[in-house]
Amino acid sequence: MCSEQSNVYQRWDDGFLIRRMRQDEEVQVRNWWSEAGPVPADLEIALDMRGDDAATHGFYVGELNGEMVASLSETRIADDLGYIGHIYVVEQFRKAGFAGRMITLAHSVRQADGDGILALDAPIYLESLYNKFGYKTAFEETLYLGTVSSGENRDDHGTNITEVSINLDSS
């Protein structure tokens, strides 16, 4: 497991290692994820809540020969429930097994800290990868982007949409 001095969880002979994510690396992870679409600020908030406690697990970075090439976070939802997110591997290093190593490590750390369920969101194209680690699809989700036209007759579509006005001015 991770030592307090090095923060390295595991090293492999091919130069890949997994270590504890530092606060300043959240920006890089968010940049990676922004390529796919809008990115929530949950990683930044979770890292802030973790603070500098070296005993706290859950935020991992994969490095190859000193370069950050992968990420994974595991956030505790309850004592027996965790959520895995921010799984990312830089495109040129995909299919090298780095995501699998990170998932396996997160599972082993989770088991060392106490058994429980780990859940994650998976795009359809990654379901087969996660199935290899024992994950099963529990539900499917659809993401809709865009705005509802105010000129659209909503009654004809059986929707119940309420227009909301939000005033962000705090004065």
C-alpha atoms as a PDB file:
ATOM      1  CA  MET A   1       0.000   0.000   0.000  1.00  0.00           C
ATOM      2  CA  CYS A   2       0.928   3.666  -0.117  1.00  0.00           C
ATOM      3  CA  SER A   3       3.700   4.845   2.161  1.00  0.00           C
ATOM      4  CA  GLU A   4       3.357   8.279   3.704  1.00  0.00           C
ATOM      5  CA  GLN A   5       6.727   9.402   2.365  1.00  0.00           C
ATOM      6  CA  SER A   6       6.486   8.370  -1.265  1.00  0.00           C
ATOM      7  CA  ASN A   7       2.703   8.247  -1.752  1.00  0.00           C
ATOM      8  CA  VAL A   8       3.334   5.467  -4.306  1.00  0.00           C
ATOM      9  CA  TYR A   9       0.918   2.563  -4.089  1.00  0.00           C
ATOM     10  CA  GLN A  10       2.512   0.268  -6.644  1.00  0.00           C
ATOM     11  CA  ARG A  11       5.254   0.207  -9.320  1.00  0.00           C
ATOM     12  CA  TRP A  12       5.608  -2.040 -12.356  1.00  0.00           C
ATOM     13  CA  ASP A  13       8.712  -3.003 -14.335  1.00  0.00           C
ATOM     14  CA  ASP A  14       7.414  -1.216 -17.459  1.00  0.00           C
ATOM     15  CA  GLY A  15       7.790   2.189 -15.728  1.00  0.00           C
ATOM     16  CA  PHE A  16       4.116   2.582 -14.784  1.00  0.00           C
ATOM     17  CA  LEU A  17       3.247   3.454 -11.203  1.00  0.00           C
ATOM     18  CA  ILE A  18       0.155   4.466  -9.283  1.00  0.00           C
ATOM     19  CA  ARG A  19       0.418   7.111  -6.620  1.00  0.00           C
ATOM     20  CA  ARG A  20      -1.756   9.431  -4.589  1.00  0.00           C
ATOM     21  CA  MET A  21      -3.246  12.342  -6.559  1.00  0.00           C
ATOM     22  CA  ARG A  22      -2.028  15.784  -5.496  1.00  0.00           C
ATOM     23  CA  GLN A  23      -4.406  18.729  -5.154  1.00  0.00           C
ATOM     24  CA  ASP A  24      -2.875  20.615  -8.106  1.00  0.00           C
ATOM     25  CA  GLU A  25      -3.381  17.638 -10.464  1.00  0.00           C
ATOM     26  CA  GLU A  26      -7.157  18.046 -10.370  1.00  0.00           C
ATOM     27  CA  VAL A  27      -6.779  20.676 -13.107  1.00  0.00           C
ATOM     28  CA  GLN A  28      -5.169  18.162 -15.494  1.00  0.00           C
ATOM     29  CA  VAL A  29      -7.856  15.552 -14.799  1.00  0.00           C
ATOM     30  CA  ARG A  30     -10.585  18.132 -15.453  1.00  0.00           C
ATOM     31  CA  ASN A  31      -8.839  19.132 -18.725  1.00  0.00           C
ATOM     32  CA  TRP A  32      -8.803  15.492 -19.844  1.00  0.00           C
ATOM     33  CA  TRP A  33     -12.477  15.083 -19.046  1.00  0.00           C
ATOM     34  CA  SER A  34     -13.498  18.400 -20.637  1.00  0.00           C
ATOM     35  CA  GLU A  35     -12.652  16.926 -24.049  1.00  0.00           C
ATOM     36  CA  ALA A  36     -15.688  14.634 -23.653  1.00  0.00           C
ATOM     37  CA  GLY A  37     -18.113  17.305 -22.464  1.00  0.00           C
ATOM     38  CA  PRO A  38     -19.088  19.383 -19.443  1.00  0.00           C
ATOM     39  CA  VAL A  39     -17.128  18.505 -16.305  1.00  0.00           C
ATOM     40  CA  PRO A  40     -18.629  18.862 -12.837  1.00  0.00           C
ATOM     41  CA  ALA A  41     -16.531  20.336 -10.034  1.00  0.00           C
ATOM     42  CA  ASP A  42     -16.948  17.231  -7.853  1.00  0.00           C
ATOM     43  CA  LEU A  43     -13.280  16.215  -8.053  1.00  0.00           C
ATOM     44  CA  GLU A  44     -12.069  19.591  -6.816  1.00  0.00           C
ATOM     45  CA  ILE A  45     -14.583  19.513  -3.950  1.00  0.00           C
ATOM     46  CA  ALA A  46     -13.684  15.936  -2.986  1.00  0.00           C
ATOM     47  CA  LEU A  47      -9.950  16.716  -3.008  1.00  0.00           C
ATOM     48  CA  ASP A  48     -10.566  19.799  -0.867  1.00  0.00           C
ATOM     49  CA  MET A  49     -12.502  17.682   1.615  1.00  0.00           C
ATOM     50  CA  ARG A  50      -9.690  15.107   1.732  1.00  0.00           C
ATOM     51  CA  GLY A  51      -7.152  17.731   2.679  1.00  0.00           C
ATOM     52  CA  ASP A  52      -3.571  16.685   3.308  1.00  0.00           C
ATOM     53  CA  ASP A  53      -4.377  13.508   5.241  1.00  0.00           C
ATOM     54  CA  ALA A  54      -1.885  10.970   3.853  1.00  0.00           C
ATOM     55  CA  ALA A  55      -3.960   8.113   5.285  1.00  0.00           C
ATOM     56  CA  THR A  56      -6.905   9.026   3.040  1.00  0.00           C
ATOM     57  CA  HIS A  57      -7.122   6.910  -0.087  1.00  0.00           C
ATOM     58  CA  GLY A  58      -9.294   7.281  -3.127  1.00  0.00           C
ATOM     59  CA  PHE A  59      -7.584   9.669  -5.533  1.00  0.00           C
ATOM     60  CA  TYR A  60      -5.057   8.026  -7.826  1.00  0.00           C
ATOM     61  CA  VAL A  61      -2.735   9.094 -10.621  1.00  0.00           C
ATOM     62  CA  GLY A  62      -0.999   6.758 -13.032  1.00  0.00           C
ATOM     63  CA  GLU A  63       2.474   7.811 -14.175  1.00  0.00           C
ATOM     64  CA  LEU A  64       4.592   6.373 -16.920  1.00  0.00           C
ATOM     65  CA  ASN A  65       8.272   7.244 -16.585  1.00  0.00           C
ATOM     66  CA  GLY A  66       7.432  10.363 -14.553  1.00  0.00           C
ATOM     67  CA  GLU A  67       4.598  11.611 -16.812  1.00  0.00           C
ATOM     68  CA  MET A  68       1.003  11.671 -15.542  1.00  0.00           C
ATOM     69  CA  VAL A  69      -0.972   9.508 -18.005  1.00  0.00           C
ATOM     70  CA  ALA A  70      -3.988   8.211 -16.045  1.00  0.00           C
ATOM     71  CA  SER A  71      -6.402   9.006 -13.235  1.00  0.00           C
ATOM     72  CA  LEU A  72      -9.048   7.366 -11.074  1.00  0.00           C
ATOM     73  CA  SER A  73     -10.989   8.486  -8.031  1.00  0.00           C
ATOM     74  CA  GLU A  74     -12.923   6.466  -5.484  1.00  0.00           C
ATOM     75  CA  THR A  75     -15.238   8.457  -3.267  1.00  0.00           C
ATOM     76  CA  ARG A  76     -16.919   7.034  -0.180  1.00  0.00           C
ATOM     77  CA  ILE A  77     -20.679   7.441  -0.309  1.00  0.00           C
ATOM     78  CA  ALA A  78     -21.266   5.361   2.841  1.00  0.00           C
ATOM     79  CA  ASP A  79     -19.237   2.876   4.907  1.00  0.00           C
ATOM     80  CA  ASP A  80     -20.114   0.048   2.534  1.00  0.00           C
ATOM     81  CA  LEU A  81     -20.518   2.001  -0.719  1.00  0.00           C
ATOM     82  CA  GLY A  82     -17.951   3.750  -2.894  1.00  0.00           C
ATOM     83  CA  TYR A  83     -18.142   5.423  -6.297  1.00  0.00           C
ATOM     84  CA  ILE A  84     -15.366   5.146  -8.878  1.00  0.00           C
ATOM     85  CA  GLY A  85     -15.021   8.057 -11.265  1.00  0.00           C
ATOM     86  CA  HIS A  86     -12.547  10.075 -13.289  1.00  0.00           C
ATOM     87  CA  ILE A  87     -11.116   6.940 -14.916  1.00  0.00           C
ATOM     88  CA  TYR A  88      -8.959   8.270 -17.706  1.00  0.00           C
ATOM     89  CA  VAL A  89      -5.942   7.120 -19.684  1.00  0.00           C
ATOM     90  CA  VAL A  90      -4.187   9.397 -22.187  1.00  0.00           C
ATOM     91  CA  GLU A  91      -5.138   8.183 -25.670  1.00  0.00           C
ATOM     92  CA  GLN A  92      -1.676   7.064 -26.795  1.00  0.00           C
ATOM     93  CA  PHE A  93      -1.429   4.758 -23.730  1.00  0.00           C
ATOM     94  CA  ARG A  94      -4.855   3.152 -23.973  1.00  0.00           C
ATOM     95  CA  LYS A  95      -5.012  -0.633 -24.328  1.00  0.00           C
ATOM     96  CA  ALA A  96      -1.782  -0.949 -22.310  1.00  0.00           C
ATOM     97  CA  GLY A  97      -3.701  -2.193 -19.252  1.00  0.00           C
ATOM     98  CA  PHE A  98      -3.245   0.968 -17.187  1.00  0.00           C
ATOM     99  CA  ALA A  99      -6.975   1.459 -16.456  1.00  0.00           C
ATOM    100  CA  GLY A 100      -7.196  -2.158 -15.373  1.00  0.00           C
ATOM    101  CA  ARG A 101      -4.265  -1.749 -13.024  1.00  0.00           C
ATOM    102  CA  MET A 102      -5.858   1.327 -11.497  1.00  0.00           C
ATOM    103  CA  ILE A 103      -9.231  -0.376 -11.018  1.00  0.00           C
ATOM    104  CA  THR A 104      -7.545  -3.419  -9.469  1.00  0.00           C
ATOM    105  CA  LEU A 105      -5.562  -1.209  -7.097  1.00  0.00           C
ATOM    106  CA  ALA A 106      -8.688   0.752  -6.084  1.00  0.00           C
ATOM    107  CA  HIS A 107     -10.413  -2.560  -5.319  1.00  0.00           C
ATOM    108  CA  SER A 108      -7.495  -3.825  -3.223  1.00  0.00           C
ATOM    109  CA  VAL A 109      -7.281  -0.556  -1.243  1.00  0.00           C
ATOM    110  CA  ARG A 110     -11.047  -0.654  -0.728  1.00  0.00           C
ATOM    111  CA  GLN A 111     -10.875  -4.252   0.551  1.00  0.00           C
ATOM    112  CA  ALA A 112      -8.011  -3.363   2.899  1.00  0.00           C
ATOM    113  CA  ASP A 113     -10.096  -0.494   4.319  1.00  0.00           C
ATOM    114  CA  GLY A 114     -13.256  -2.622   4.616  1.00  0.00           C
ATOM    115  CA  ASP A 115     -15.368  -4.507   2.149  1.00  0.00           C
ATOM    116  CA  GLY A 116     -18.248  -2.948   0.278  1.00  0.00           C
ATOM    117  CA  ILE A 117     -19.748  -2.138  -3.074  1.00  0.00           C
ATOM    118  CA  LEU A 118     -17.971  -0.008  -5.654  1.00  0.00           C
ATOM    119  CA  ALA A 119     -20.177   1.575  -8.310  1.00  0.00           C
ATOM    120  CA  LEU A 120     -19.191   3.551 -11.411  1.00  0.00           C
ATOM    121  CA  ASP A 121     -20.603   5.284 -14.462  1.00  0.00           C
ATOM    122  CA  ALA A 122     -19.615   3.617 -17.706  1.00  0.00           C
ATOM    123  CA  PRO A 123     -20.076   4.843 -21.250  1.00  0.00           C
ATOM    124  CA  ILE A 124     -21.448   2.014 -23.398  1.00  0.00           C
ATOM    125  CA  TYR A 125     -18.099   1.559 -25.171  1.00  0.00           C
ATOM    126  CA  LEU A 126     -16.389   0.784 -21.826  1.00  0.00           C
ATOM    127  CA  GLU A 127     -18.920  -1.685 -20.426  1.00  0.00           C
ATOM    128  CA  SER A 128     -16.932  -4.697 -21.640  1.00  0.00           C
ATOM    129  CA  LEU A 129     -13.809  -3.416 -19.830  1.00  0.00           C
ATOM    130  CA  TYR A 130     -15.689  -3.012 -16.572  1.00  0.00           C
ATOM    131  CA  ASN A 131     -17.399  -6.386 -16.971  1.00  0.00           C
ATOM    132  CA  LYS A 132     -13.903  -7.962 -16.783  1.00  0.00           C
ATOM    133  CA  PHE A 133     -13.647  -6.603 -13.241  1.00  0.00           C
ATOM    134  CA  GLY A 134     -17.006  -7.994 -12.165  1.00  0.00           C
ATOM    135  CA  TYR A 135     -19.129  -4.917 -12.775  1.00  0.00           C
ATOM    136  CA  LYS A 136     -22.664  -5.398 -14.092  1.00  0.00           C
ATOM    137  CA  THR A 137     -24.914  -2.826 -15.730  1.00  0.00           C
ATOM    138  CA  ALA A 138     -27.536  -1.682 -13.234  1.00  0.00           C
ATOM    139  CA  PHE A 139     -29.216   0.992 -15.352  1.00  0.00           C
ATOM    140  CA  GLU A 140     -28.774   3.031 -18.507  1.00  0.00           C
ATOM    141  CA  GLU A 141     -28.721   6.794 -18.545  1.00  0.00           C
ATOM    142  CA  THR A 142     -29.335   9.279 -21.327  1.00  0.00           C
ATOM    143  CA  LEU A 143     -27.775  12.726 -21.321  1.00  0.00           C
ATOM    144  CA  TYR A 144     -29.701  15.453 -23.097  1.00  0.00           C
ATOM    145  CA  LEU A 145     -27.948  18.687 -23.978  1.00  0.00           C
ATOM    146  CA  GLY A 146     -29.510  21.872 -25.253  1.00  0.00           C
ATOM    147  CA  THR A 147     -32.356  24.154 -24.327  1.00  0.00           C
ATOM    148  CA  VAL A 148     -36.107  23.916 -24.617  1.00  0.00           C
ATOM    149  CA  SER A 149     -37.497  26.469 -27.038  1.00  0.00           C
ATOM    150  CA  SER A 150     -39.916  28.831 -25.327  1.00  0.00           C
ATOM    151  CA  GLY A 151     -41.993  28.812 -28.522  1.00  0.00           C
ATOM    152  CA  GLU A 152     -42.539  25.029 -28.364  1.00  0.00           C
ATOM    153  CA  ASN A 153     -45.982  23.826 -27.363  1.00  0.00           C
ATOM    154  CA  ARG A 154     -44.983  21.514 -24.531  1.00  0.00           C
ATOM    155  CA  ASP A 155     -48.504  20.158 -23.940  1.00  0.00           C
ATOM    156  CA  ASP A 156     -48.425  18.330 -27.281  1.00  0.00           C
ATOM    157  CA  HIS A 157     -45.362  16.348 -26.161  1.00  0.00           C
ATOM    158  CA  GLY A 158     -46.640  15.198 -22.767  1.00  0.00           C
ATOM    159  CA  THR A 159     -43.897  16.998 -20.879  1.00  0.00           C
ATOM    160  CA  ASN A 160     -44.160  18.891 -17.668  1.00  0.00           C
ATOM    161  CA  ILE A 161     -41.490  21.558 -17.978  1.00  0.00           C
ATOM    162  CA  THR A 162     -41.595  24.629 -15.792  1.00  0.00           C
ATOM    163  CA  GLU A 163     -39.655  27.695 -16.787  1.00  0.00           C
ATOM    164  CA  VAL A 164     -37.377  28.856 -14.006  1.00  0.00           C
ATOM    165  CA  SER A 165     -35.706  32.207 -13.648  1.00  0.00           C
ATOM    166  CA  ILE A 166     -32.600  32.305 -11.456  1.00  0.00           C
ATOM    167  CA  ASN A 167     -31.176  35.554 -10.155  1.00  0.00           C
ATOM    168  CA  LEU A 168     -27.455  35.061  -9.508  1.00  0.00           C
ATOM    169  CA  ASP A 169     -26.980  38.648  -8.346  1.00  0.00           C
ATOM    170  CA  SER A 170     -26.278  38.434  -4.590  1.00  0.00           C
ATOM    171  CA  SER A 171     -26.909  42.116  -3.954  1.00  0.00           C
END
